[in-house]
C-alpha atoms as a PDB file:
ATOM      1  CA  UNK A   1       0.000   0.000   0.000  1.00  0.00           C
ATOM      2  CA  UNK A   2       1.228   3.477  -0.832  1.00  0.00           C
ATOM      3  CA  UNK A   3       1.074   5.988   1.990  1.00  0.00           C
ATOM      4  CA  UNK A   4       1.154   9.754   1.797  1.00  0.00           C
ATOM      5  CA  UNK A   5       2.329  10.867   5.189  1.00  0.00           C
ATOM      6  CA  UNK A   6       4.242  13.649   6.876  1.00  0.00           C
ATOM      7  CA  UNK A   7       7.446  13.210   4.860  1.00  0.00           C
ATOM      8  CA  UNK A   8       5.572  13.284   1.563  1.00  0.00           C
ATOM      9  CA  UNK A   9       3.522  16.266   2.684  1.00  0.00           C
ATOM     10  CA  UNK A  10       6.730  18.083   3.666  1.00  0.00           C
ATOM     11  CA  UNK A  11       8.392  17.331   0.320  1.00  0.00           C
ATOM     12  CA  UNK A  12       5.333  18.491  -1.614  1.00  0.00           C
ATOM     13  CA  UNK A  13       5.141  21.665   0.463  1.00  0.00           C
ATOM     14  CA  UNK A  14       8.844  22.350  -0.154  1.00  0.00           C
ATOM     15  CA  UNK A  15       8.257  22.055  -3.905  1.00  0.00           C
ATOM     16  CA  UNK A  16       5.366  24.499  -3.749  1.00  0.00           C
ATOM     17  CA  UNK A  17       7.355  26.953  -1.610  1.00  0.00           C
ATOM     18  CA  UNK A  18      10.394  26.681  -3.922  1.00  0.00           C
ATOM     19  CA  UNK A  19       8.176  27.694  -6.848  1.00  0.00           C
ATOM     20  CA  UNK A  20       6.668  30.561  -4.848  1.00  0.00           C
ATOM     21  CA  UNK A  21      10.156  31.818  -4.001  1.00  0.00           C
ATOM     22  CA  UNK A  22      11.071  31.686  -7.691  1.00  0.00           C
ATOM     23  CA  UNK A  23       8.043  33.841  -8.527  1.00  0.00           C
ATOM     24  CA  UNK A  24       9.050  36.277  -5.763  1.00  0.00           C
ATOM     25  CA  UNK A  25      12.584  36.434  -7.187  1.00  0.00           C
ATOM     26  CA  UNK A  26      11.335  36.960 -10.745  1.00  0.00           C
ATOM     27  CA  UNK A  27       9.250  40.005  -9.816  1.00  0.00           C
ATOM     28  CA  UNK A  28      11.408  43.123  -9.417  1.00  0.00           C
ATOM     29  CA  UNK A  29      11.239  44.929  -6.088  1.00  0.00           C
ATOM     30  CA  UNK A  30       9.937  47.996  -7.923  1.00  0.00           C
ATOM     31  CA  UNK A  31       6.762  45.995  -8.672  1.00  0.00           C
ATOM     32  CA  UNK A  32       6.147  44.740  -5.113  1.00  0.00           C
ATOM     33  CA  UNK A  33       3.680  47.609  -4.622  1.00  0.00           C
ATOM     34  CA  UNK A  34       1.701  46.648  -7.742  1.00  0.00           C
ATOM     35  CA  UNK A  35      -2.014  46.029  -7.108  1.00  0.00           C
ATOM     36  CA  UNK A  36      -3.729  44.102  -9.914  1.00  0.00           C
ATOM     37  CA  UNK A  37      -7.255  45.263  -9.065  1.00  0.00           C
ATOM     38  CA  UNK A  38      -9.081  47.167  -6.332  1.00  0.00           C
ATOM     39  CA  UNK A  39      -9.262  45.314  -3.015  1.00  0.00           C
ATOM     40  CA  UNK A  40      -6.489  42.896  -4.029  1.00  0.00           C
ATOM     41  CA  UNK A  41      -3.280  42.646  -2.006  1.00  0.00           C
ATOM     42  CA  UNK A  42      -0.157  44.188  -3.482  1.00  0.00           C
ATOM     43  CA  UNK A  43       2.500  41.765  -4.719  1.00  0.00           C
ATOM     44  CA  UNK A  44       4.578  42.307  -1.571  1.00  0.00           C
ATOM     45  CA  UNK A  45       1.644  41.865   0.759  1.00  0.00           C
ATOM     46  CA  UNK A  46       0.453  38.729  -1.061  1.00  0.00           C
ATOM     47  CA  UNK A  47       3.927  37.214  -0.772  1.00  0.00           C
ATOM     48  CA  UNK A  48       4.004  38.107   2.927  1.00  0.00           C
ATOM     49  CA  UNK A  49       0.543  36.568   3.310  1.00  0.00           C
ATOM     50  CA  UNK A  50       1.812  33.356   1.721  1.00  0.00           C
ATOM     51  CA  UNK A  51       4.957  33.368   3.850  1.00  0.00           C
ATOM     52  CA  UNK A  52       3.170  33.585   7.185  1.00  0.00           C
ATOM     53  CA  UNK A  53      -0.089  31.747   6.424  1.00  0.00           C
ATOM     54  CA  UNK A  54       1.379  28.492   7.707  1.00  0.00           C
ATOM     55  CA  UNK A  55       1.499  30.051  11.179  1.00  0.00           C
ATOM     56  CA  UNK A  56      -2.259  29.589  11.382  1.00  0.00           C
ATOM     57  CA  UNK A  57      -1.935  25.838  10.806  1.00  0.00           C
ATOM     58  CA  UNK A  58       0.906  25.687  13.294  1.00  0.00           C
ATOM     59  CA  UNK A  59      -1.167  27.511  15.914  1.00  0.00           C
ATOM     60  CA  UNK A  60      -4.190  25.271  15.438  1.00  0.00           C
ATOM     61  CA  UNK A  61      -2.560  21.905  14.774  1.00  0.00           C
ATOM     62  CA  UNK A  62       0.830  22.126  16.479  1.00  0.00           C
ATOM     63  CA  UNK A  63       0.702  24.607  19.352  1.00  0.00           C
ATOM     64  CA  UNK A  64      -2.918  24.281  20.496  1.00  0.00           C
ATOM     65  CA  UNK A  65      -3.629  20.924  18.832  1.00  0.00           C
ATOM     66  CA  UNK A  66      -7.291  21.836  18.649  1.00  0.00           C
ATOM     67  CA  UNK A  67      -9.843  19.101  18.134  1.00  0.00           C
ATOM     68  CA  UNK A  68     -12.665  21.580  17.578  1.00  0.00           C
ATOM     69  CA  UNK A  69     -13.071  25.094  16.230  1.00  0.00           C
ATOM     70  CA  UNK A  70     -16.165  25.610  18.326  1.00  0.00           C
ATOM     71  CA  UNK A  71     -15.257  28.552  20.566  1.00  0.00           C
ATOM     72  CA  UNK A  72     -11.971  29.295  18.752  1.00  0.00           C
ATOM     73  CA  UNK A  73     -11.126  33.024  18.676  1.00  0.00           C
ATOM     74  CA  UNK A  74     -11.021  33.223  14.898  1.00  0.00           C
ATOM     75  CA  UNK A  75     -11.373  37.011  14.774  1.00  0.00           C
ATOM     76  CA  UNK A  76      -8.588  37.603  17.303  1.00  0.00           C
ATOM     77  CA  UNK A  77      -6.337  35.273  15.338  1.00  0.00           C
ATOM     78  CA  UNK A  78      -7.281  37.010  12.089  1.00  0.00           C
ATOM     79  CA  UNK A  79      -6.562  40.451  13.565  1.00  0.00           C
ATOM     80  CA  UNK A  80      -3.087  39.352  14.741  1.00  0.00           C
ATOM     81  CA  UNK A  81      -2.397  37.757  11.357  1.00  0.00           C
ATOM     82  CA  UNK A  82      -3.488  40.871   9.433  1.00  0.00           C
ATOM     83  CA  UNK A  83      -1.317  43.105  11.640  1.00  0.00           C
ATOM     84  CA  UNK A  84       1.731  40.931  10.910  1.00  0.00           C
ATOM     85  CA  UNK A  85       0.918  40.732   7.214  1.00  0.00           C
ATOM     86  CA  UNK A  86       0.566  44.507   6.859  1.00  0.00           C
ATOM     87  CA  UNK A  87       4.069  45.335   8.156  1.00  0.00           C
ATOM     88  CA  UNK A  88       6.231  47.017   5.528  1.00  0.00           C
ATOM     89  CA  UNK A  89       8.999  44.699   4.368  1.00  0.00           C
ATOM     90  CA  UNK A  90      11.632  44.896   1.666  1.00  0.00           C
ATOM     91  CA  UNK A  91      11.833  42.290  -1.088  1.00  0.00           C
ATOM     92  CA  UNK A  92      14.858  40.742   0.665  1.00  0.00           C
ATOM     93  CA  UNK A  93      12.934  40.531   3.948  1.00  0.00           C
ATOM     94  CA  UNK A  94       9.950  38.916   2.227  1.00  0.00           C
ATOM     95  CA  UNK A  95      12.185  36.389   0.460  1.00  0.00           C
ATOM     96  CA  UNK A  96      13.849  35.517   3.760  1.00  0.00           C
ATOM     97  CA  UNK A  97      10.448  35.152   5.406  1.00  0.00           C
ATOM     98  CA  UNK A  98       9.319  32.823   2.612  1.00  0.00           C
ATOM     99  CA  UNK A  99      12.435  30.703   3.065  1.00  0.00           C
ATOM    100  CA  UNK A 100      12.526  30.512   6.860  1.00  0.00           C
ATOM    101  CA  UNK A 101       8.797  30.163   7.515  1.00  0.00           C
ATOM    102  CA  UNK A 102       8.462  27.605   4.738  1.00  0.00           C
ATOM    103  CA  UNK A 103      11.343  25.470   5.946  1.00  0.00           C
ATOM    104  CA  UNK A 104      10.185  25.614   9.551  1.00  0.00           C
ATOM    105  CA  UNK A 105       6.717  24.439   8.524  1.00  0.00           C
ATOM    106  CA  UNK A 106       8.075  21.692   6.245  1.00  0.00           C
ATOM    107  CA  UNK A 107      10.448  20.446   8.964  1.00  0.00           C
ATOM    108  CA  UNK A 108       7.465  20.109  11.321  1.00  0.00           C
ATOM    109  CA  UNK A 109       5.368  18.345   8.655  1.00  0.00           C
ATOM    110  CA  UNK A 110       8.157  15.772   8.274  1.00  0.00           C
ATOM    111  CA  UNK A 111       7.729  14.713  11.880  1.00  0.00           C
ATOM    112  CA  UNK A 112       4.001  14.005  11.698  1.00  0.00           C
ATOM    113  CA  UNK A 113       2.832  10.460  12.310  1.00  0.00           C
ATOM    114  CA  UNK A 114      -0.021   8.711  10.524  1.00  0.00           C
ATOM    115  CA  UNK A 115      -1.946   8.742  13.819  1.00  0.00           C
ATOM    116  CA  UNK A 116      -1.597  12.523  14.138  1.00  0.00           C
ATOM    117  CA  UNK A 117      -2.595  13.082  10.509  1.00  0.00           C
ATOM    118  CA  UNK A 118      -5.676  10.877  10.988  1.00  0.00           C
ATOM    119  CA  UNK A 119      -6.991  12.876  13.984  1.00  0.00           C
ATOM    120  CA  UNK A 120     -10.307  14.601  13.312  1.00  0.00           C
ATOM    121  CA  UNK A 121     -10.959  18.298  13.907  1.00  0.00           C
ATOM    122  CA  UNK A 122     -14.514  19.613  14.225  1.00  0.00           C
ATOM    123  CA  UNK A 123     -15.257  22.618  12.040  1.00  0.00           C
ATOM    124  CA  UNK A 124     -16.913  25.801  13.403  1.00  0.00           C
ATOM    125  CA  UNK A 125     -20.387  24.496  12.513  1.00  0.00           C
ATOM    126  CA  UNK A 126     -19.899  21.862  15.225  1.00  0.00           C
ATOM    127  CA  UNK A 127     -20.924  19.075  12.835  1.00  0.00           C
ATOM    128  CA  UNK A 128     -18.370  18.696  10.051  1.00  0.00           C
ATOM    129  CA  UNK A 129     -14.950  17.193  10.698  1.00  0.00           C
ATOM    130  CA  UNK A 130     -11.736  17.105   8.711  1.00  0.00           C
ATOM    131  CA  UNK A 131      -8.597  15.107   9.308  1.00  0.00           C
ATOM    132  CA  UNK A 132      -5.465  16.976  10.275  1.00  0.00           C
ATOM    133  CA  UNK A 133      -3.989  15.662   7.026  1.00  0.00           C
ATOM    134  CA  UNK A 134      -6.741  17.364   5.021  1.00  0.00           C
ATOM    135  CA  UNK A 135      -6.305  20.578   7.005  1.00  0.00           C
ATOM    136  CA  UNK A 136      -2.524  20.600   6.468  1.00  0.00           C
ATOM    137  CA  UNK A 137      -2.896  19.746   2.805  1.00  0.00           C
ATOM    138  CA  UNK A 138      -5.102  22.845   2.714  1.00  0.00           C
ATOM    139  CA  UNK A 139      -2.096  24.972   3.717  1.00  0.00           C
ATOM    140  CA  UNK A 140      -0.314  23.839   0.556  1.00  0.00           C
ATOM    141  CA  UNK A 141      -3.443  24.373  -1.546  1.00  0.00           C
ATOM    142  CA  UNK A 142      -3.825  27.877  -0.108  1.00  0.00           C
ATOM    143  CA  UNK A 143      -0.306  28.767  -1.210  1.00  0.00           C
ATOM    144  CA  UNK A 144      -0.887  27.351  -4.683  1.00  0.00           C
ATOM    145  CA  UNK A 145      -4.056  29.448  -4.981  1.00  0.00           C
ATOM    146  CA  UNK A 146      -2.171  32.663  -4.256  1.00  0.00           C
ATOM    147  CA  UNK A 147       0.799  31.650  -6.390  1.00  0.00           C
ATOM    148  CA  UNK A 148      -1.574  31.253  -9.333  1.00  0.00           C
ATOM    149  CA  UNK A 149      -2.710  34.828  -8.725  1.00  0.00           C
ATOM    150  CA  UNK A 150       0.917  35.947  -8.678  1.00  0.00           C
ATOM    151  CA  UNK A 151       1.636  34.140 -11.942  1.00  0.00           C
ATOM    152  CA  UNK A 152      -1.211  36.044 -13.583  1.00  0.00           C
ATOM    153  CA  UNK A 153       0.215  39.258 -12.124  1.00  0.00           C
ATOM    154  CA  UNK A 154       3.577  38.309 -13.637  1.00  0.00           C
ATOM    155  CA  UNK A 155       1.848  38.195 -17.023  1.00  0.00           C
ATOM    156  CA  UNK A 156       0.342  41.631 -16.381  1.00  0.00           C
ATOM    157  CA  UNK A 157       3.854  42.900 -15.617  1.00  0.00           C
ATOM    158  CA  UNK A 158       5.265  41.376 -18.814  1.00  0.00           C
ATOM    159  CA  UNK A 159       7.055  38.511 -17.037  1.00  0.00           C
ATOM    160  CA  UNK A 160       6.760  34.962 -18.390  1.00  0.00           C
ATOM    161  CA  UNK A 161       6.320  32.729 -15.314  1.00  0.00           C
ATOM    162  CA  UNK A 162       9.218  30.384 -14.628  1.00  0.00           C
ATOM    163  CA  UNK A 163       7.089  27.226 -14.924  1.00  0.00           C
ATOM    164  CA  UNK A 164       6.007  28.340 -18.407  1.00  0.00           C
ATOM    165  CA  UNK A 165       9.621  29.096 -19.352  1.00  0.00           C
ATOM    166  CA  UNK A 166      10.705  25.642 -18.128  1.00  0.00           C
ATOM    167  CA  UNK A 167       7.890  23.930 -20.010  1.00  0.00           C
ATOM    168  CA  UNK A 168       8.714  25.804 -23.219  1.00  0.00           C
ATOM    169  CA  UNK A 169      12.387  24.841 -22.865  1.00  0.00           C
ATOM    170  CA  UNK A 170      11.487  21.146 -22.478  1.00  0.00           C
ATOM    171  CA  UNK A 171       9.203  21.269 -25.520  1.00  0.00           C
ATOM    172  CA  UNK A 172      11.946  22.947 -27.585  1.00  0.00           C
ATOM    173  CA  UNK A 173      14.452  20.261 -26.505  1.00  0.00           C
ATOM    174  CA  UNK A 174      12.030  17.470 -27.416  1.00  0.00           C
ATOM    175  CA  UNK A 175      11.369  19.059 -30.809  1.00  0.00           C
ATOM    176  CA  UNK A 176      15.096  19.457 -31.435  1.00  0.00           C
ATOM    177  CA  UNK A 177      15.753  15.845 -30.447  1.00  0.00           C
ATOM    178  CA  UNK A 178      13.045  14.646 -32.810  1.00  0.00           C
ATOM    179  CA  UNK A 179      14.333  16.703 -35.760  1.00  0.00           C
END
């Protein structure tokens, strides 16, 4: 039987974070203030959001090890998160935050046992439950969601996203090999 556990989750998260860091490196610092549309985070703030979003999972699943969201101070947590996210940071500071926060989270994911990942957490409605695995997989999905937004912003800024460049290079190599 194939198992997808903590080590696999950590490796997958590292891949996602590596690609996010590449996007952050490809966008010039002069464009970190760019806002694609009203009520959308700037590039810098979105990257900061991505960098620190894993702290929420760590608070819920590592520090507090909640088994229910019923009674959880969601708004207090959200206010603290938004205050941290809104701090002005340079491109270098954001890149460092992406690296350090990402690696810290991935290192923790590596340690997770199948028993821990199977634990159920009751959602705020008091009825629905999710496994910790599903919740932690959601942290990776959340980052991929925002990275997709950033890749569209790259296009708006005239930057070809690195994954597209890599794909085009592979296709060109295959065509050359076939010729």
